[in-house]
């Protein structure tokens, strides 16, 4: 069942407001034993190696019973594949580093959905995650950097 109706729509078969209302955990599982909830962020419209890695991570997590959620652009290849696999998606414009609106929407979604961690899979995604953290300081951010040259 698709609930995506606009650029900031969540598509999971249930409204974002219906997700558990919980606070961010400090370490690992919180006092109730809940696993940390991670929202992965990737704004890339096409399909390359980085999106293959995100896809493998999301499907691997979902296959092991972990929450798997992705913030992405509507119509992107990653969004299409995640929709077919039943992975929750937060659809946003993700229009670059200065897209504070997408950051605000991510922060609002995280508050409603009990998301603890944002994982940015691109530099543009990291910038939007930083906007989200300005709105919701309890969020933790993990940034992945994929390069094909020696670092250091």
Protein backbone atom coordinates (compact mmCIF):
# COMPACT_ATOMS: atom_id res chain seq x y z
CA UNK A 1 0.00 0.00 0.00
CA UNK A 2 1.59 3.25 -1.05
CA UNK A 3 1.06 6.26 1.16
CA UNK A 4 3.52 8.56 -0.62
CA UNK A 5 1.54 11.66 -1.48
CA UNK A 6 4.13 14.41 -1.57
CA UNK A 7 7.82 15.15 -1.33
CA UNK A 8 7.92 14.56 2.41
CA UNK A 9 5.62 11.52 2.54
CA UNK A 10 6.59 8.38 4.42
CA UNK A 11 5.78 5.14 2.65
CA UNK A 12 5.64 2.15 4.95
CA UNK A 13 2.05 1.02 4.71
CA UNK A 14 1.30 2.93 7.91
CA UNK A 15 1.46 6.62 8.78
CA UNK A 16 4.68 7.91 10.30
CA UNK A 17 2.69 9.15 13.31
CA UNK A 18 1.75 5.51 14.03
CA UNK A 19 5.35 4.57 14.78
CA UNK A 20 6.36 4.11 18.43
CA UNK A 21 6.92 7.31 20.39
CA UNK A 22 10.25 6.73 22.12
CA UNK A 23 13.23 8.87 22.93
CA UNK A 24 16.73 8.45 21.58
CA UNK A 25 18.79 5.74 23.22
CA UNK A 26 22.10 6.66 24.79
CA UNK A 27 23.95 3.44 23.91
CA UNK A 28 22.91 0.38 21.91
CA UNK A 29 19.55 -0.83 23.15
CA UNK A 30 17.68 1.51 25.47
CA UNK A 31 16.37 0.58 28.91
CA UNK A 32 13.45 -1.29 27.36
CA UNK A 33 15.82 -3.36 25.24
CA UNK A 34 14.75 -1.65 22.01
CA UNK A 35 17.22 -1.81 19.15
CA UNK A 36 18.45 1.56 17.93
CA UNK A 37 16.50 2.87 14.94
CA UNK A 38 18.64 4.15 12.07
CA UNK A 39 17.43 6.31 9.20
CA UNK A 40 19.75 5.98 6.20
CA UNK A 41 20.05 9.06 3.96
CA UNK A 42 21.01 8.91 0.27
CA UNK A 43 19.92 11.56 -2.23
CA UNK A 44 21.48 10.04 -5.34
CA UNK A 45 18.95 9.66 -8.18
CA UNK A 46 20.85 6.99 -10.13
CA UNK A 47 22.41 3.62 -9.32
CA UNK A 48 26.12 3.21 -8.69
CA UNK A 49 28.30 1.32 -6.26
CA UNK A 50 27.33 3.49 -3.30
CA UNK A 51 23.64 2.83 -3.80
CA UNK A 52 24.38 -0.89 -4.16
CA UNK A 53 26.08 -0.74 -0.75
CA UNK A 54 23.12 1.09 0.81
CA UNK A 55 20.73 -1.42 -0.77
CA UNK A 56 22.76 -4.38 0.55
CA UNK A 57 22.88 -2.83 4.02
CA UNK A 58 19.14 -2.10 4.15
CA UNK A 59 18.07 -5.51 2.86
CA UNK A 60 20.59 -7.23 5.14
CA UNK A 61 19.28 -5.36 8.19
CA UNK A 62 15.65 -6.01 7.27
CA UNK A 63 16.40 -9.70 6.68
CA UNK A 64 17.79 -9.97 10.20
CA UNK A 65 14.81 -8.26 11.81
CA UNK A 66 16.37 -4.82 12.32
CA UNK A 67 14.41 -1.69 11.44
CA UNK A 68 15.41 -0.54 7.94
CA UNK A 69 14.45 3.00 6.85
CA UNK A 70 15.67 5.20 4.03
CA UNK A 71 15.33 8.93 3.34
CA UNK A 72 15.68 9.45 -0.41
CA UNK A 73 14.39 11.33 -3.43
CA UNK A 74 11.10 10.15 -4.90
CA UNK A 75 11.62 8.18 -8.09
CA UNK A 76 15.29 7.43 -7.44
CA UNK A 77 16.46 3.93 -8.30
CA UNK A 78 17.13 3.20 -4.62
CA UNK A 79 13.60 4.34 -3.72
CA UNK A 80 12.12 2.11 -6.42
CA UNK A 81 13.99 -0.95 -5.18
CA UNK A 82 13.22 -0.26 -1.52
CA UNK A 83 9.54 0.20 -2.32
CA UNK A 84 9.47 -3.19 -4.06
CA UNK A 85 11.21 -4.77 -1.04
CA UNK A 86 8.82 -3.19 1.48
CA UNK A 87 11.50 -1.05 3.13
CA UNK A 88 10.21 2.12 4.80
CA UNK A 89 11.00 5.30 2.89
CA UNK A 90 10.89 8.97 3.78
CA UNK A 91 10.55 10.79 0.44
CA UNK A 92 12.20 14.23 0.35
CA UNK A 93 13.63 16.64 -2.23
CA UNK A 94 17.13 16.40 -0.66
CA UNK A 95 18.20 19.34 -2.81
CA UNK A 96 21.77 19.76 -1.56
CA UNK A 97 23.68 21.17 1.39
CA UNK A 98 21.41 24.16 1.91
CA UNK A 99 18.18 22.12 2.02
CA UNK A 100 17.24 22.98 5.59
CA UNK A 101 13.62 22.02 4.83
CA UNK A 102 14.55 18.38 4.24
CA UNK A 103 16.62 18.50 7.42
CA UNK A 104 13.63 19.80 9.39
CA UNK A 105 11.38 17.07 7.94
CA UNK A 106 13.94 14.41 8.85
CA UNK A 107 14.11 15.76 12.42
CA UNK A 108 10.31 15.74 12.69
CA UNK A 109 10.13 12.19 11.34
CA UNK A 110 12.84 11.04 13.76
CA UNK A 111 10.92 12.48 16.69
CA UNK A 112 7.70 10.76 15.66
CA UNK A 113 9.37 7.50 14.69
CA UNK A 114 11.83 7.09 17.54
CA UNK A 115 14.86 7.28 15.25
CA UNK A 116 18.12 7.44 17.19
CA UNK A 117 20.77 7.57 14.45
CA UNK A 118 21.08 9.12 11.01
CA UNK A 119 23.49 7.41 8.64
CA UNK A 120 24.57 9.68 5.79
CA UNK A 121 25.79 7.80 2.74
CA UNK A 122 26.91 10.90 0.75
CA UNK A 123 28.38 14.31 1.53
CA UNK A 124 25.13 16.03 0.50
CA UNK A 125 23.25 13.64 2.76
CA UNK A 126 25.57 14.51 5.62
CA UNK A 127 24.80 18.21 5.24
CA UNK A 128 21.06 17.53 5.45
CA UNK A 129 21.64 15.30 8.51
CA UNK A 130 23.48 18.18 10.18
CA UNK A 131 20.44 20.41 9.55
CA UNK A 132 18.27 17.70 11.15
CA UNK A 133 20.55 17.54 14.18
CA UNK A 134 20.28 21.31 14.63
CA UNK A 135 16.52 20.78 15.01
CA UNK A 136 16.86 17.62 17.13
CA UNK A 137 20.18 17.59 19.06
CA UNK A 138 19.62 14.09 20.48
CA UNK A 139 20.20 12.55 17.02
CA UNK A 140 23.51 10.84 16.42
CA UNK A 141 25.08 10.91 12.96
CA UNK A 142 27.23 8.32 11.21
CA UNK A 143 28.81 9.36 7.92
CA UNK A 144 30.09 6.88 5.32
CA UNK A 145 32.80 8.06 2.97
CA UNK A 146 33.44 5.98 -0.12
CA UNK A 147 36.54 6.85 -2.12
CA UNK A 148 38.57 4.91 -4.65
CA UNK A 149 41.93 6.35 -3.70
CA UNK A 150 44.22 5.89 -0.72
CA UNK A 151 43.24 8.14 2.20
CA UNK A 152 46.11 9.48 4.24
